[in-house]
Protein backbone atom coordinates (compact mmCIF):
# COMPACT_ATOMS: atom_id res chain seq x y z
CA CYS A 1 13.06 11.13 -4.76
CA SER A 2 9.92 11.95 -6.70
CA VAL A 3 6.74 12.91 -4.90
CA GLU A 4 3.97 11.16 -6.81
CA ILE A 5 0.46 12.54 -7.10
CA LEU A 6 -1.43 9.40 -8.06
CA HIS A 7 -5.01 8.39 -8.61
CA PHE A 8 -6.66 5.01 -9.08
CA ASP A 9 -6.85 3.42 -12.51
CA LYS A 10 -10.46 2.72 -13.49
CA ASN A 11 -9.22 0.07 -15.95
CA LYS A 12 -7.17 -1.83 -13.37
CA LYS A 13 -9.58 -2.70 -10.60
CA ASP A 14 -12.09 -5.23 -9.41
CA ALA A 15 -15.57 -4.51 -10.74
CA ASN A 16 -16.89 -4.02 -7.17
CA ILE A 17 -14.49 -1.17 -6.33
CA VAL A 18 -16.19 2.21 -6.69
CA LEU A 19 -14.00 5.18 -7.65
CA SER A 20 -14.99 8.78 -6.93
CA ASN A 21 -13.37 12.19 -6.40
CA ASN A 22 -11.87 12.14 -9.94
CA ASP A 23 -10.51 8.63 -9.22
CA TYR A 24 -8.55 9.71 -6.13
CA THR A 25 -10.89 7.76 -3.80
CA ALA A 26 -11.55 4.01 -3.81
CA ASP A 27 -14.43 2.47 -1.89
CA TYR A 28 -15.87 -1.01 -1.56
CA THR A 29 -19.49 -1.32 -0.58
CA GLY A 30 -19.96 -5.08 -0.43
CA GLY A 31 -19.41 -7.62 2.34
CA CYS A 32 -16.21 -9.25 3.54
CA ASN A 33 -14.00 -10.18 0.63
CA LYS A 34 -10.19 -10.17 0.58
CA LEU A 35 -9.78 -9.94 -3.19
CA LYS A 36 -11.25 -6.52 -3.99
CA TRP A 37 -8.31 -4.60 -5.41
CA VAL A 38 -7.40 -1.50 -7.40
CA ASN A 39 -4.09 -0.30 -8.85
CA ALA A 40 -2.78 3.22 -9.26
CA ASN A 41 -2.56 4.97 -12.61
CA LYS A 42 1.26 4.86 -12.74
CA SER A 43 3.99 2.21 -12.62
CA PHE A 44 7.69 2.65 -11.93
CA THR A 45 10.76 0.83 -13.32
CA GLY A 46 13.48 2.69 -11.42
CA GLY A 47 14.23 5.60 -9.10
CA LYS A 48 12.74 6.56 -5.74
CA HIS A 49 9.06 7.39 -5.36
CA TYR A 50 6.84 8.52 -2.48
CA TRP A 51 3.04 8.75 -2.30
CA GLU A 52 0.41 9.00 0.40
CA PHE A 53 -3.14 7.86 1.14
CA VAL A 54 -5.54 8.97 3.77
CA ILE A 55 -7.43 6.10 5.38
CA ASP A 56 -10.96 7.52 5.16
CA LEU A 57 -12.59 4.86 7.33
CA THR A 58 -11.31 2.39 9.90
CA PRO A 59 -9.61 -0.41 7.93
CA GLY A 60 -11.41 -3.71 7.36
CA CYS A 61 -9.85 -7.10 8.08
CA TYR A 62 -8.40 -7.61 4.57
CA ASP A 63 -7.38 -4.02 3.76
CA SER A 64 -3.83 -3.92 2.39
CA VAL A 65 -1.46 -1.35 0.85
CA GLY A 66 1.60 -2.17 -1.22
CA VAL A 67 3.05 -2.65 -4.67
CA VAL A 68 2.62 -5.29 -7.36
CA THR A 69 4.50 -6.13 -10.55
CA GLU A 70 2.87 -6.88 -13.88
CA ASN A 71 3.29 -10.60 -13.03
CA HIS A 72 1.00 -10.39 -9.99
CA LYS A 73 -1.96 -12.67 -10.63
CA VAL A 74 -5.29 -10.89 -10.42
CA GLY A 75 -7.41 -12.75 -7.88
CA THR A 76 -4.45 -13.30 -5.57
CA ARG A 77 -4.36 -11.24 -2.40
CA ILE A 78 -1.64 -8.56 -2.38
CA GLY A 79 1.36 -10.02 -0.53
CA GLU A 80 0.48 -13.66 -1.20
CA ASP A 81 2.71 -14.19 -4.21
CA ALA A 82 6.29 -13.46 -5.32
CA HIS A 83 5.11 -10.45 -7.32
CA SER A 84 3.48 -8.39 -4.55
CA TRP A 85 4.45 -6.76 -1.25
CA ALA A 86 1.88 -5.36 1.18
CA ILE A 87 1.13 -4.35 4.73
CA ARG A 88 -2.24 -5.31 6.15
CA LEU A 89 -4.06 -2.64 8.08
CA TYR A 90 -6.66 -4.28 10.30
CA PRO A 91 -6.30 -2.63 13.73
CA SER A 92 -8.34 -5.09 15.79
CA SER A 93 -6.32 -8.26 15.41
CA THR A 94 -2.99 -9.88 16.07
CA ASP A 95 -3.83 -12.66 13.60
CA MET A 96 -1.17 -12.54 10.86
CA SER A 97 -3.88 -13.11 8.23
CA PHE A 98 -5.13 -9.58 8.94
CA THR A 99 -2.05 -7.65 10.02
CA GLY A 100 1.68 -7.43 9.38
CA ALA A 101 3.91 -7.17 6.33
CA HIS A 102 3.39 -9.87 3.66
CA HIS A 103 5.32 -11.22 0.68
CA LYS A 104 5.17 -14.74 -0.81
CA ASN A 105 2.37 -15.52 1.66
CA LYS A 106 4.73 -15.05 4.62
CA GLY A 107 3.96 -12.44 7.24
CA THR A 108 6.07 -10.56 9.74
CA LYS A 109 4.84 -8.28 12.51
CA PHE A 110 4.36 -4.68 11.52
CA GLU A 111 2.43 -1.59 12.64
CA ASN A 112 -1.28 -2.39 13.04
CA LYS A 113 -2.73 0.53 14.98
CA TRP A 114 -4.37 2.21 11.98
CA LYS A 115 -7.45 4.36 12.28
CA SER A 116 -9.67 6.65 10.27
CA GLN A 117 -7.88 9.77 8.96
CA ASP A 118 -4.36 8.38 9.38
CA LYS A 119 -2.03 9.28 6.52
CA LEU A 120 -0.20 6.26 5.14
CA GLY A 121 2.95 7.02 3.12
CA VAL A 122 4.75 4.55 0.87
CA PHE A 123 8.38 5.01 -0.18
CA LEU A 124 9.32 2.77 -3.11
CA ASP A 125 13.10 2.81 -3.46
CA LEU A 126 13.97 0.92 -6.64
CA VAL A 127 17.62 2.05 -6.44
CA ASN A 128 18.11 -0.03 -3.27
CA GLY A 129 15.20 -2.45 -3.77
CA GLN A 130 13.11 -1.50 -0.75
CA VAL A 131 9.63 -0.49 0.33
CA SER A 132 9.28 1.66 3.47
CA TYR A 133 6.17 2.97 5.16
CA PHE A 134 5.28 6.17 7.03
CA LYS A 135 2.38 6.91 9.36
CA ASN A 136 1.30 10.53 9.65
CA GLY A 137 4.69 11.61 8.27
CA LYS A 138 6.78 9.47 10.63
CA TYR A 139 8.88 6.51 9.51
CA ILE A 140 7.51 3.19 10.81
CA GLY A 141 9.70 0.66 9.04
CA THR A 142 11.13 -0.99 5.93
CA PRO A 143 9.57 -4.44 5.90
CA PHE A 144 10.59 -5.23 2.32
CA LYS A 145 14.20 -5.31 1.20
CA ASN A 146 15.99 -6.95 -1.70
CA LEU A 147 13.23 -6.43 -4.24
CA LYS A 148 14.34 -7.87 -7.54
CA THR A 149 14.42 -4.76 -9.71
CA ASN A 150 15.22 -6.41 -13.01
CA LYS A 151 15.51 -3.99 -15.89
CA GLY A 152 12.06 -3.06 -17.11
CA THR A 153 10.09 -4.63 -14.22
CA LYS A 154 7.13 -2.37 -13.50
CA PHE A 155 6.10 -1.78 -9.89
CA THR A 156 2.58 -0.43 -9.42
CA PRO A 157 1.00 0.93 -6.22
CA SER A 158 -1.98 -1.23 -5.26
CA ILE A 159 -4.53 -1.62 -2.47
CA SER A 160 -7.15 -4.17 -1.49
CA LEU A 161 -10.32 -3.33 0.39
CA CYS A 162 -13.05 -5.27 2.18
CA HIS A 163 -16.11 -4.66 4.39
CA GLY A 164 -17.98 -1.84 2.75
CA LYS A 165 -20.27 0.82 4.16
CA SER A 166 -18.46 1.42 7.45
CA THR A 167 -14.88 0.51 6.50
CA SER A 168 -12.64 0.17 3.48
CA LYS A 169 -12.23 3.52 1.81
CA MET A 170 -8.93 5.21 0.90
CA THR A 171 -7.98 8.37 -0.93
CA PHE A 172 -4.71 9.29 -2.64
CA LEU A 173 -3.58 12.69 -1.38
CA LYS A 174 -3.32 15.48 -3.92
CA ARG A 175 -0.86 17.42 -1.77
CA VAL A 176 2.03 15.38 -0.47
CA THR A 177 4.92 16.56 1.67
CA LEU A 178 8.07 14.46 1.57
CA PRO A 179 8.91 13.27 5.11
CA HIS A 180 12.03 14.78 6.68
CA ASP A 181 13.66 11.32 6.94
CA ILE A 182 13.61 10.99 3.17
CA LEU A 183 14.59 14.61 2.49
CA SER A 184 17.58 14.38 4.83
CA GLY A 185 18.76 11.09 3.31
CA ALA A 186 18.60 9.45 6.73
CA LYS A 187 19.45 5.79 6.96
CA PHE A 188 16.32 3.95 8.01
CA LYS A 189 16.74 1.79 11.07
CA ASP A 190 14.78 -1.40 11.53
CA ILE A 191 11.92 -1.12 13.99
CA LYS A 192 10.89 -4.18 15.98
CA TYR A 193 7.20 -4.85 16.50
């Protein structure tokens, strides 16, 4: 597994996303809007990859973290099409529009107790076609399995943000420690929410 030190790509973002901290931090300063997105500077076609964010501010209602392929349509919320997979981070709702794990516009329950300063880890396993998530270094689930990893398909880390000023700000971590569960090769068990 490769530990990835990523930053945001200033050429692959919505015009309203503001990057700072040498492009490690993404912020949105406008009002509620579910389509404000930014991709990372790297894509992956195979292997196993792990990266982390810190949630700088309490997540807004449309904040999402996941991966997209090059076929993901810009202007489509992450997780709403067949080319994106995302968890939604809003901590104040049980409404599946704002929380849960989403792919092809279908949601399933998933961790939604996110707060400011939580570390959110993403484990993209293109060998087994899975995306797993970690909260503060602890495994919280593998909501996405059976990703179609056709030869040459590029998977890119992506986030969406909404509600600026008091929410919606994330930073890629420059120092990442691989969680013990990944290091040990542990089999991830499904977690029911």
